[in-house]
Amino acid sequence: ALAMMQKSRPSLIFLDLIMPVMDGFAIADRVRLHPEWGSIPIVVVTAHDLTGEERRRLNGYVETVVQKSGCSRDELLNRVRDALKTFTMAEKGDVR
């Protein structure tokens, strides 16, 4: 995913935290260190129950955390739309 982002910048990143090789925390860290990617909204979608420390680690890095187990499809879509709207407004300089 990181290699692909160097070729084409996404508008939004959906990120699961539990993945093989590199977990979502490491991906978020790497994304935020890259100057051109710092403003890309990250929506974490996970079944993982976050500890307080994990929430602190994500604080400021992600737009929202959506728990898969407690989220309906419509709620997930609404959160994604909100993240995209915020990102689009920020890109245009129209932050309200």
N, C-alpha and C. Protein backbone atom coordinates (compact mmCIF):
# COMPACT_ATOMS: atom_id res chain seq x y z
N ALA A 1 0.83 -1.20 0.00
CA ALA A 1 0.00 0.00 0.00
C ALA A 1 0.87 1.25 0.00
N LEU A 2 1.93 1.25 0.80
CA LEU A 2 2.80 2.42 0.86
C LEU A 2 3.49 2.67 -0.48
N ALA A 3 3.90 1.62 -1.16
CA ALA A 3 4.53 1.76 -2.47
C ALA A 3 3.52 2.31 -3.49
N MET A 4 2.29 1.86 -3.42
CA MET A 4 1.26 2.34 -4.33
C MET A 4 0.96 3.81 -4.09
N MET A 5 1.03 4.24 -2.84
CA MET A 5 0.75 5.64 -2.51
C MET A 5 1.79 6.58 -3.11
N GLN A 6 2.99 6.10 -3.33
CA GLN A 6 4.01 6.93 -3.95
C GLN A 6 3.69 7.23 -5.40
N LYS A 7 2.91 6.36 -6.03
CA LYS A 7 2.52 6.55 -7.43
C LYS A 7 1.22 7.33 -7.56
N SER A 8 0.30 7.10 -6.64
CA SER A 8 -1.01 7.73 -6.71
C SER A 8 -1.51 8.01 -5.30
N ARG A 9 -1.68 9.28 -4.99
CA ARG A 9 -2.11 9.70 -3.64
C ARG A 9 -3.61 9.44 -3.48
N PRO A 10 -4.00 8.66 -2.47
CA PRO A 10 -5.43 8.39 -2.26
C PRO A 10 -6.12 9.58 -1.58
N SER A 11 -7.43 9.62 -1.70
CA SER A 11 -8.22 10.66 -1.03
C SER A 11 -8.54 10.27 0.40
N LEU A 12 -8.51 8.98 0.67
CA LEU A 12 -8.89 8.46 1.98
C LEU A 12 -8.23 7.11 2.16
N ILE A 13 -7.84 6.81 3.38
CA ILE A 13 -7.25 5.52 3.69
C ILE A 13 -8.14 4.78 4.67
N PHE A 14 -8.60 3.59 4.27
CA PHE A 14 -9.26 2.67 5.18
C PHE A 14 -8.18 1.78 5.73
N LEU A 15 -8.10 1.66 7.02
CA LEU A 15 -6.99 0.95 7.62
C LEU A 15 -7.46 -0.02 8.69
N ASP A 16 -7.12 -1.27 8.53
CA ASP A 16 -7.35 -2.26 9.58
C ASP A 16 -6.09 -2.29 10.43
N LEU A 17 -6.22 -2.51 11.70
CA LEU A 17 -5.06 -2.51 12.58
C LEU A 17 -4.35 -3.84 12.65
N ILE A 18 -5.08 -4.91 12.46
CA ILE A 18 -4.50 -6.25 12.58
C ILE A 18 -4.26 -6.80 11.18
N MET A 19 -3.00 -6.75 10.76
CA MET A 19 -2.61 -7.25 9.44
C MET A 19 -1.28 -7.98 9.58
N PRO A 20 -1.00 -8.89 8.67
CA PRO A 20 0.30 -9.56 8.69
C PRO A 20 1.40 -8.61 8.20
N VAL A 21 2.60 -8.89 8.51
CA VAL A 21 3.80 -8.17 8.10
C VAL A 21 3.90 -6.81 8.80
N MET A 22 3.04 -5.85 8.47
CA MET A 22 3.06 -4.53 9.10
C MET A 22 1.65 -4.22 9.59
N ASP A 23 1.52 -3.93 10.89
CA ASP A 23 0.17 -3.65 11.41
C ASP A 23 -0.26 -2.23 11.06
N GLY A 24 -1.52 -1.95 11.31
CA GLY A 24 -2.09 -0.65 10.98
C GLY A 24 -1.46 0.50 11.74
N PHE A 25 -0.98 0.25 12.95
CA PHE A 25 -0.31 1.30 13.70
C PHE A 25 0.96 1.75 12.97
N ALA A 26 1.72 0.79 12.48
CA ALA A 26 2.96 1.11 11.76
C ALA A 26 2.65 1.83 10.44
N ILE A 27 1.60 1.41 9.76
CA ILE A 27 1.20 2.09 8.52
C ILE A 27 0.85 3.54 8.82
N ALA A 28 0.03 3.78 9.85
CA ALA A 28 -0.36 5.15 10.21
C ALA A 28 0.88 5.98 10.55
N ASP A 29 1.81 5.41 11.29
CA ASP A 29 3.05 6.12 11.61
C ASP A 29 3.78 6.53 10.34
N ARG A 30 3.92 5.61 9.41
CA ARG A 30 4.67 5.88 8.17
C ARG A 30 3.95 6.92 7.31
N VAL A 31 2.62 6.82 7.25
CA VAL A 31 1.86 7.78 6.45
C VAL A 31 2.05 9.19 7.01
N ARG A 32 1.96 9.34 8.31
CA ARG A 32 2.05 10.67 8.92
C ARG A 32 3.46 11.25 8.86
N LEU A 33 4.47 10.43 8.70
CA LEU A 33 5.84 10.92 8.57
C LEU A 33 6.13 11.48 7.18
N HIS A 34 5.35 11.06 6.18
CA HIS A 34 5.55 11.50 4.80
C HIS A 34 4.86 12.86 4.61
N PRO A 35 5.60 13.91 4.24
CA PRO A 35 5.02 15.26 4.15
C PRO A 35 3.82 15.38 3.22
N GLU A 36 3.81 14.67 2.12
CA GLU A 36 2.71 14.79 1.16
C GLU A 36 1.47 14.00 1.56
N TRP A 37 1.60 13.12 2.51
CA TRP A 37 0.48 12.28 2.91
C TRP A 37 -0.16 12.71 4.23
N GLY A 38 0.42 13.67 4.88
CA GLY A 38 -0.02 14.04 6.23
C GLY A 38 -1.47 14.46 6.35
N SER A 39 -2.04 14.97 5.26
CA SER A 39 -3.42 15.44 5.33
C SER A 39 -4.44 14.41 4.85
N ILE A 40 -3.97 13.24 4.43
CA ILE A 40 -4.91 12.21 3.97
C ILE A 40 -5.67 11.66 5.18
N PRO A 41 -6.99 11.75 5.17
CA PRO A 41 -7.74 11.20 6.30
C PRO A 41 -7.61 9.68 6.37
N ILE A 42 -7.45 9.19 7.58
CA ILE A 42 -7.37 7.75 7.83
C ILE A 42 -8.58 7.34 8.65
N VAL A 43 -9.32 6.38 8.15
CA VAL A 43 -10.45 5.80 8.88
C VAL A 43 -10.05 4.38 9.26
N VAL A 44 -9.93 4.15 10.55
CA VAL A 44 -9.59 2.82 11.04
C VAL A 44 -10.88 2.02 11.19
N VAL A 45 -10.92 0.88 10.56
CA VAL A 45 -12.05 -0.04 10.66
C VAL A 45 -11.49 -1.33 11.23
N THR A 46 -11.92 -1.66 12.45
CA THR A 46 -11.30 -2.80 13.12
C THR A 46 -12.26 -3.55 14.02
N ALA A 47 -12.00 -4.80 14.21
CA ALA A 47 -12.72 -5.62 15.18
C ALA A 47 -11.95 -5.65 16.49
N HIS A 48 -10.75 -5.11 16.49
CA HIS A 48 -9.86 -5.11 17.65
C HIS A 48 -10.39 -4.13 18.71
N ASP A 49 -10.47 -4.59 19.96
CA ASP A 49 -10.84 -3.70 21.06
C ASP A 49 -9.60 -2.92 21.47
N LEU A 50 -9.63 -1.62 21.23
CA LEU A 50 -8.47 -0.78 21.49
C LEU A 50 -8.26 -0.52 22.98
N THR A 51 -7.02 -0.60 23.40
CA THR A 51 -6.67 -0.22 24.76
C THR A 51 -6.52 1.30 24.81
N GLY A 52 -6.45 1.84 25.99
CA GLY A 52 -6.23 3.27 26.14
C GLY A 52 -4.93 3.71 25.48
N GLU A 53 -3.89 2.93 25.63
CA GLU A 53 -2.59 3.24 25.02
C GLU A 53 -2.69 3.24 23.50
N GLU A 54 -3.41 2.27 22.93
CA GLU A 54 -3.57 2.21 21.48
C GLU A 54 -4.37 3.41 20.97
N ARG A 55 -5.39 3.81 21.70
CA ARG A 55 -6.16 5.00 21.31
C ARG A 55 -5.28 6.25 21.35
N ARG A 56 -4.44 6.37 22.37
CA ARG A 56 -3.52 7.51 22.45
C ARG A 56 -2.54 7.49 21.28
N ARG A 57 -2.09 6.31 20.91
CA ARG A 57 -1.15 6.19 19.80
C ARG A 57 -1.78 6.65 18.48
N LEU A 58 -3.06 6.42 18.30
CA LEU A 58 -3.76 6.82 17.09
C LEU A 58 -4.22 8.28 17.13
N ASN A 59 -4.30 8.86 18.31
CA ASN A 59 -4.81 10.21 18.48
C ASN A 59 -4.02 11.20 17.61
N GLY A 60 -4.73 11.95 16.80
CA GLY A 60 -4.10 12.91 15.91
C GLY A 60 -3.68 12.31 14.58
N TYR A 61 -3.71 10.99 14.47
CA TYR A 61 -3.31 10.31 13.24
C TYR A 61 -4.51 9.89 12.41
N VAL A 62 -5.63 9.65 13.05
CA VAL A 62 -6.79 9.12 12.32
C VAL A 62 -8.00 10.02 12.53
N GLU A 63 -8.86 10.01 11.52
CA GLU A 63 -10.09 10.79 11.60
C GLU A 63 -11.08 10.17 12.57
N THR A 64 -11.21 8.85 12.45
CA THR A 64 -12.17 8.14 13.28
C THR A 64 -11.79 6.66 13.36
N VAL A 65 -12.26 6.04 14.41
CA VAL A 65 -12.11 4.59 14.57
C VAL A 65 -13.50 3.99 14.57
N VAL A 66 -13.73 3.06 13.67
CA VAL A 66 -15.02 2.40 13.56
C VAL A 66 -14.84 0.95 13.99
N GLN A 67 -15.55 0.58 15.04
CA GLN A 67 -15.53 -0.81 15.49
C GLN A 67 -16.47 -1.60 14.59
N LYS A 68 -15.94 -2.63 13.95
CA LYS A 68 -16.76 -3.44 13.04
C LYS A 68 -17.95 -4.07 13.73
N SER A 69 -17.73 -4.54 14.94
CA SER A 69 -18.78 -5.27 15.63
C SER A 69 -19.96 -4.39 16.03
N GLY A 70 -19.75 -3.12 16.23
CA GLY A 70 -20.84 -2.27 16.69
C GLY A 70 -21.29 -1.25 15.67
N CYS A 71 -20.99 -1.47 14.41
CA CYS A 71 -21.26 -0.47 13.39
C CYS A 71 -22.09 -1.06 12.26
N SER A 72 -23.19 -0.39 11.97
CA SER A 72 -24.00 -0.84 10.84
C SER A 72 -23.36 -0.35 9.54
N ARG A 73 -23.78 -0.91 8.45
CA ARG A 73 -23.26 -0.52 7.14
C ARG A 73 -23.53 0.97 6.89
N ASP A 74 -24.74 1.42 7.22
CA ASP A 74 -25.09 2.82 7.00
C ASP A 74 -24.24 3.76 7.86
N GLU A 75 -23.99 3.37 9.10
CA GLU A 75 -23.16 4.19 9.97
C GLU A 75 -21.74 4.30 9.42
N LEU A 76 -21.21 3.18 8.96
CA LEU A 76 -19.87 3.18 8.37
C LEU A 76 -19.83 4.11 7.15
N LEU A 77 -20.81 3.99 6.27
CA LEU A 77 -20.85 4.84 5.09
C LEU A 77 -20.97 6.32 5.46
N ASN A 78 -21.76 6.64 6.47
CA ASN A 78 -21.89 8.03 6.91
C ASN A 78 -20.57 8.57 7.45
N ARG A 79 -19.84 7.76 8.20
CA ARG A 79 -18.55 8.19 8.72
C ARG A 79 -17.55 8.42 7.59
N VAL A 80 -17.59 7.55 6.60
CA VAL A 80 -16.69 7.71 5.45
C VAL A 80 -17.04 8.99 4.69
N ARG A 81 -18.32 9.22 4.47
CA ARG A 81 -18.75 10.44 3.78
C ARG A 81 -18.30 11.69 4.54
N ASP A 82 -18.44 11.66 5.87
CA ASP A 82 -18.02 12.80 6.68
C ASP A 82 -16.51 13.04 6.56
N ALA A 83 -15.74 11.98 6.58
CA ALA A 83 -14.28 12.11 6.45
C ALA A 83 -13.92 12.68 5.08
N LEU A 84 -14.57 12.20 4.04
CA LEU A 84 -14.30 12.71 2.70
C LEU A 84 -14.71 14.18 2.56
N LYS A 85 -15.84 14.53 3.14
CA LYS A 85 -16.31 15.91 3.09
C LYS A 85 -15.32 16.83 3.79
N THR A 86 -14.87 16.43 4.96
CA THR A 86 -13.90 17.23 5.70
C THR A 86 -12.61 17.38 4.91
N PHE A 87 -12.14 16.29 4.32
CA PHE A 87 -10.92 16.31 3.53
C PHE A 87 -11.09 17.22 2.32
N THR A 88 -12.20 17.10 1.61
CA THR A 88 -12.44 17.91 0.42
C THR A 88 -12.51 19.38 0.76
N MET A 89 -13.18 19.72 1.84
CA MET A 89 -13.28 21.12 2.26
C MET A 89 -11.90 21.67 2.64
N ALA A 90 -11.10 20.87 3.33
CA ALA A 90 -9.77 21.30 3.72
C ALA A 90 -8.89 21.51 2.50
N GLU A 91 -9.01 20.63 1.52
CA GLU A 91 -8.24 20.75 0.28
C GLU A 91 -8.59 22.04 -0.46
N LYS A 92 -9.84 22.45 -0.38
CA LYS A 92 -10.30 23.66 -1.07
C LYS A 92 -10.09 24.91 -0.20
N GLY A 93 -9.65 24.70 1.04
CA GLY A 93 -9.47 25.83 1.95
C GLY A 93 -10.76 26.33 2.55
N ASP A 94 -11.80 25.51 2.51
CA ASP A 94 -13.12 25.88 3.01
C ASP A 94 -13.42 25.11 4.29
N VAL A 95 -12.64 25.35 5.33
CA VAL A 95 -12.85 24.65 6.60
C VAL A 95 -13.80 25.49 7.45
N ARG A 96 -14.89 24.88 7.84
CA ARG A 96 -15.90 25.60 8.64
C ARG A 96 -15.89 25.10 10.05
